[in-house]
Amino acid sequence: GIVGDLAIVKAWKADRFGNLVFRKTARNFNPMAATAGKVTVAEVEEIVEDGALDPDSIHTPSVFVQRLFVGNFEKRIEQRTVRKREAA
């Protein structure tokens, strides 16, 4: 298998132990990347209290995560605007 010195992943939620939950397309490769690194750093949107995560919904267990921090995210919402066509 592939082993890296450092794995940096972005997760949706984590508890204080380091159990990670991913959302949407982040579930494709981030769990495998987190397990492949010797040191795994996880940037999360929210850290919840211990026991708040359902054990069946945890994608990466805390044994693979060495560092955890809350990132500063700006969630942009795109709005589609259209105008009426001008007569030719």
C-alpha atoms as a PDB file:
ATOM      1  CA  GLY A   1       0.000   0.000   0.000  1.00  0.00           C
ATOM      2  CA  ILE A   2       0.864   3.654  -0.210  1.00  0.00           C
ATOM      3  CA  VAL A   3       2.302   5.240   2.931  1.00  0.00           C
ATOM      4  CA  GLY A   4       2.895   8.975   3.243  1.00  0.00           C
ATOM      5  CA  ASP A   5       4.703  10.918   5.925  1.00  0.00           C
ATOM      6  CA  LEU A   6       1.855  13.433   6.247  1.00  0.00           C
ATOM      7  CA  ALA A   7      -1.821  13.220   5.408  1.00  0.00           C
ATOM      8  CA  ILE A   8      -3.945  16.390   5.463  1.00  0.00           C
ATOM      9  CA  VAL A   9      -7.692  15.797   5.260  1.00  0.00           C
ATOM     10  CA  LYS A  10     -10.802  17.937   5.619  1.00  0.00           C
ATOM     11  CA  ALA A  11     -13.715  16.493   7.574  1.00  0.00           C
ATOM     12  CA  TRP A  12     -17.189  17.709   8.409  1.00  0.00           C
ATOM     13  CA  LYS A  13     -17.358  16.762  12.090  1.00  0.00           C
ATOM     14  CA  ALA A  14     -15.044  15.302  14.678  1.00  0.00           C
ATOM     15  CA  ASP A  15     -15.183  14.590  18.379  1.00  0.00           C
ATOM     16  CA  ARG A  16     -12.419  15.467  20.815  1.00  0.00           C
ATOM     17  CA  PHE A  17     -10.872  12.003  20.428  1.00  0.00           C
ATOM     18  CA  GLY A  18     -10.372  12.528  16.688  1.00  0.00           C
ATOM     19  CA  ASN A  19     -13.098  10.323  15.202  1.00  0.00           C
ATOM     20  CA  LEU A  20     -13.947  11.842  11.810  1.00  0.00           C
ATOM     21  CA  VAL A  21     -17.165  12.096   9.787  1.00  0.00           C
ATOM     22  CA  PHE A  22     -16.969  13.189   6.150  1.00  0.00           C
ATOM     23  CA  ARG A  23     -19.712  14.576   3.884  1.00  0.00           C
ATOM     24  CA  LYS A  24     -20.500  14.194   0.210  1.00  0.00           C
ATOM     25  CA  THR A  25     -17.499  13.767  -2.105  1.00  0.00           C
ATOM     26  CA  ALA A  26     -15.012  14.060   0.754  1.00  0.00           C
ATOM     27  CA  ARG A  27     -15.964  10.464   1.560  1.00  0.00           C
ATOM     28  CA  ASN A  28     -14.338   9.252  -1.680  1.00  0.00           C
ATOM     29  CA  PHE A  29     -10.650   9.497  -0.809  1.00  0.00           C
ATOM     30  CA  ASN A  30     -10.201  11.289   2.537  1.00  0.00           C
ATOM     31  CA  PRO A  31     -10.787   8.204   4.754  1.00  0.00           C
ATOM     32  CA  MET A  32      -8.162   6.232   2.823  1.00  0.00           C
ATOM     33  CA  ALA A  33      -5.733   9.167   2.779  1.00  0.00           C
ATOM     34  CA  ALA A  34      -6.113   9.558   6.552  1.00  0.00           C
ATOM     35  CA  THR A  35      -5.249   5.916   7.148  1.00  0.00           C
ATOM     36  CA  ALA A  36      -2.264   6.018   4.764  1.00  0.00           C
ATOM     37  CA  GLY A  37      -0.376   8.825   6.530  1.00  0.00           C
ATOM     38  CA  LYS A  38       2.123   8.317   9.332  1.00  0.00           C
ATOM     39  CA  VAL A  39       0.889  11.622  10.775  1.00  0.00           C
ATOM     40  CA  THR A  40      -2.661  12.696   9.945  1.00  0.00           C
ATOM     41  CA  VAL A  41      -3.816  16.298  10.345  1.00  0.00           C
ATOM     42  CA  ALA A  42      -7.571  16.810  10.114  1.00  0.00           C
ATOM     43  CA  GLU A  43      -9.195  20.168   9.454  1.00  0.00           C
ATOM     44  CA  VAL A  44     -12.828  20.039  10.570  1.00  0.00           C
ATOM     45  CA  GLU A  45     -15.827  22.341  10.391  1.00  0.00           C
ATOM     46  CA  GLU A  46     -17.091  21.451  13.852  1.00  0.00           C
ATOM     47  CA  ILE A  47     -15.798  19.639  16.934  1.00  0.00           C
ATOM     48  CA  VAL A  48     -18.604  18.030  18.935  1.00  0.00           C
ATOM     49  CA  GLU A  49     -18.616  16.612  22.446  1.00  0.00           C
ATOM     50  CA  ASP A  50     -17.450  13.079  23.138  1.00  0.00           C
ATOM     51  CA  GLY A  51     -20.177  10.540  22.455  1.00  0.00           C
ATOM     52  CA  ALA A  52     -22.203  12.901  20.234  1.00  0.00           C
ATOM     53  CA  LEU A  53     -21.269  11.029  17.045  1.00  0.00           C
ATOM     54  CA  ASP A  54     -23.099   7.839  16.190  1.00  0.00           C
ATOM     55  CA  PRO A  55     -20.511   5.013  16.183  1.00  0.00           C
ATOM     56  CA  ASP A  56     -21.962   3.648  12.929  1.00  0.00           C
ATOM     57  CA  SER A  57     -21.466   6.977  11.140  1.00  0.00           C
ATOM     58  CA  ILE A  58     -17.744   7.384  11.911  1.00  0.00           C
ATOM     59  CA  HIS A  59     -15.693   7.089   8.716  1.00  0.00           C
ATOM     60  CA  THR A  60     -12.193   7.347  10.210  1.00  0.00           C
ATOM     61  CA  PRO A  61     -11.494   6.223  13.786  1.00  0.00           C
ATOM     62  CA  SER A  62      -9.352   8.306  16.103  1.00  0.00           C
ATOM     63  CA  VAL A  63      -6.442   5.870  16.065  1.00  0.00           C
ATOM     64  CA  PHE A  64      -5.441   7.257  12.644  1.00  0.00           C
ATOM     65  CA  VAL A  65      -5.672  10.983  13.571  1.00  0.00           C
ATOM     66  CA  GLN A  66      -2.807  12.727  15.399  1.00  0.00           C
ATOM     67  CA  ARG A  67      -3.752  16.419  15.004  1.00  0.00           C
ATOM     68  CA  LEU A  68      -7.141  18.108  14.850  1.00  0.00           C
ATOM     69  CA  PHE A  69      -8.137  21.749  14.348  1.00  0.00           C
ATOM     70  CA  VAL A  70     -11.191  23.787  13.394  1.00  0.00           C
ATOM     71  CA  GLY A  71     -10.780  25.596  10.094  1.00  0.00           C
ATOM     72  CA  ASN A  72     -12.109  29.015   9.150  1.00  0.00           C
ATOM     73  CA  PHE A  73     -14.516  28.419   6.262  1.00  0.00           C
ATOM     74  CA  GLU A  74     -16.379  30.853   4.071  1.00  0.00           C
ATOM     75  CA  LYS A  75     -19.331  29.123   2.496  1.00  0.00           C
ATOM     76  CA  ARG A  76     -20.240  30.952  -0.673  1.00  0.00           C
ATOM     77  CA  ILE A  77     -23.706  30.561  -2.098  1.00  0.00           C
ATOM     78  CA  GLU A  78     -23.909  30.945  -5.834  1.00  0.00           C
ATOM     79  CA  GLN A  79     -26.984  32.596  -7.233  1.00  0.00           C
ATOM     80  CA  ARG A  80     -27.954  32.243 -10.839  1.00  0.00           C
ATOM     81  CA  THR A  81     -29.218  35.420 -12.397  1.00  0.00           C
ATOM     82  CA  VAL A  82     -30.582  35.644 -15.890  1.00  0.00           C
ATOM     83  CA  ARG A  83     -31.794  38.517 -17.983  1.00  0.00           C
ATOM     84  CA  LYS A  84     -34.290  38.578 -20.763  1.00  0.00           C
ATOM     85  CA  ARG A  85     -32.947  38.356 -24.279  1.00  0.00           C
ATOM     86  CA  GLU A  86     -33.047  41.474 -26.362  1.00  0.00           C
ATOM     87  CA  ALA A  87     -34.926  41.355 -29.654  1.00  0.00           C
ATOM     88  CA  ALA A  88     -32.615  41.044 -32.638  1.00  0.00           C
END
